[in-house]
Every structure is written in structure tokens, then in C-alpha cells.
Protein backbone atom coordinates (compact mmCIF):
# COMPACT_ATOMS: atom_id res chain seq x y z
CA MET A 1 113.44 94.44 99.76
CA ALA A 2 110.73 96.37 101.56
CA ILE A 3 108.34 94.53 103.87
CA THR A 4 104.59 95.02 104.01
CA HIS A 5 103.11 94.22 107.43
CA ILE A 6 99.31 93.96 107.46
CA VAL A 7 97.16 93.57 110.58
CA TRP A 8 93.41 92.91 110.61
CA ILE A 9 91.77 94.11 113.83
CA LYS A 10 88.50 92.80 115.27
CA PHE A 11 87.57 94.71 118.41
CA ASN A 12 85.82 92.73 121.13
CA HIS A 13 82.12 93.34 121.68
CA GLY A 14 81.54 96.25 124.03
CA VAL A 15 84.85 98.08 123.53
CA ALA A 16 83.96 101.77 123.71
CA ASP A 17 84.51 104.04 120.71
CA THR A 18 86.78 106.22 122.85
CA ARG A 19 88.98 103.21 123.64
CA ILE A 20 89.13 102.29 119.95
CA ALA A 21 90.18 105.87 119.16
CA GLU A 22 92.96 105.59 121.78
CA HIS A 23 94.23 102.42 120.09
CA ILE A 24 94.18 104.11 116.67
CA THR A 25 96.15 107.09 118.00
CA ALA A 26 98.68 104.77 119.64
CA LEU A 27 99.12 102.79 116.43
CA LYS A 28 99.63 105.97 114.40
CA SER A 29 102.30 107.13 116.88
CA LEU A 30 104.49 104.15 115.97
CA LYS A 31 105.47 105.90 112.71
CA ASP A 32 107.33 108.59 114.67
CA ASN A 33 108.75 106.31 117.36
CA VAL A 34 109.98 103.14 115.68
CA PRO A 35 112.91 103.20 113.24
CA GLY A 36 112.62 101.54 109.84
CA ILE A 37 109.00 102.47 109.13
CA ILE A 38 108.60 103.96 105.66
CA GLU A 39 104.83 104.36 105.80
CA LEU A 40 102.03 103.53 108.22
CA SER A 41 98.31 103.74 107.55
CA ILE A 42 95.27 102.58 109.47
CA GLY A 43 91.62 102.76 108.57
CA GLU A 44 88.16 101.54 109.37
CA ASN A 45 86.63 98.85 107.20
CA PHE A 46 83.51 99.97 105.34
CA THR A 47 82.48 96.64 103.81
CA ASP A 48 81.04 93.38 105.10
CA ARG A 49 83.82 91.30 103.53
CA ALA A 50 86.24 91.14 106.47
CA ASP A 51 84.58 88.58 108.75
CA GLY A 52 83.94 91.16 111.47
CA HIS A 53 87.35 92.81 111.35
CA SER A 54 86.66 96.51 111.74
CA HIS A 55 90.07 98.07 111.12
CA GLY A 56 93.19 97.43 109.10
CA LEU A 57 96.78 98.49 109.66
CA VAL A 58 99.42 98.54 106.92
CA VAL A 59 103.04 99.24 107.78
CA ILE A 60 105.75 99.42 105.11
CA LEU A 61 109.21 98.77 106.54
CA ASP A 62 112.71 99.00 105.07
CA ASP A 63 113.49 95.27 105.18
CA LYS A 64 113.25 92.11 107.30
CA THR A 65 115.68 93.55 109.83
CA ALA A 66 113.42 96.58 110.25
CA LEU A 67 110.44 94.25 110.77
CA ALA A 68 112.31 92.41 113.52
CA THR A 69 113.24 95.75 115.12
CA TYR A 70 109.62 96.95 114.85
CA LEU A 71 108.19 93.80 116.43
CA ALA A 72 110.63 93.93 119.36
CA HIS A 73 110.58 97.71 119.85
CA PRO A 74 109.23 98.70 123.30
CA ASN A 75 106.73 101.16 121.80
CA HIS A 76 105.31 98.48 119.50
CA VAL A 77 105.20 95.89 122.29
CA GLU A 78 103.30 98.32 124.53
CA VAL A 79 100.79 99.30 121.84
CA ALA A 80 100.25 95.73 120.62
CA THR A 81 99.86 94.35 124.15
CA ALA A 82 97.17 96.91 124.97
CA LEU A 83 95.45 96.27 121.64
CA ARG A 84 95.34 92.50 122.25
CA GLU A 85 93.41 93.15 125.47
CA ASP A 86 90.57 94.66 123.42
CA ALA A 87 90.80 92.92 120.05
CA THR A 88 91.62 89.84 118.04
CA LEU A 89 94.42 90.38 115.53
CA MET A 90 95.56 88.66 112.34
CA ALA A 91 98.90 89.60 110.82
CA LEU A 92 100.60 88.91 107.52
CA ASP A 93 104.06 89.97 106.33
CA PHE A 94 105.48 89.83 102.82
CA GLU A 95 108.34 91.25 100.77
CA THR A 96 107.64 93.75 98.03
């Protein structure tokens, strides 16, 4: 079964727009660098319903093994570590 991995991103106050753009570019690059990703999309929230979370990431992966590979992959670790320096994250994973 495919896995849907969702991340809500709330950037810290004062993080520059250019830095946010760098994070977005880095997240998008995971699609081409991490095996097992079927689809990856990221976008900016346009409503006031997300408790201050400004961006959302959705990654569709082949299966639970692909999720484990994704989470441990050096490219993901690097991107996620940098992102955590500038934002609070919430993640949710489920089978589809």
C-alpha cells in the first residue's frame, strides 16, 4: 500500500522570505534524490485554519519500506535538519 506523508510547517518569526524559498527548493529536490517517492508537492497555506502553519508538504511513497528509506536518507536528513532550525513541524503518515 502507498504511504501518504504530510508535514505542516510553521516558520519561526523573523525567518526571511529568501530563507523560506531555500527550504522550499530543498524540499522539492527530494523528489529527484530519494528513491521510493511517487509524488511530492509543497504549497503555501492561504487560509487562517492552520494554527499559524504557513506551508504544507505532501509526499506519496511506494510503501512503508520506502517511508523508512526516505526518513533515513542523507538528503532528507540534511533538508529536515536545516528546516527544523527555522520552523516547527508536525508530521502524519498513513496508508492509502
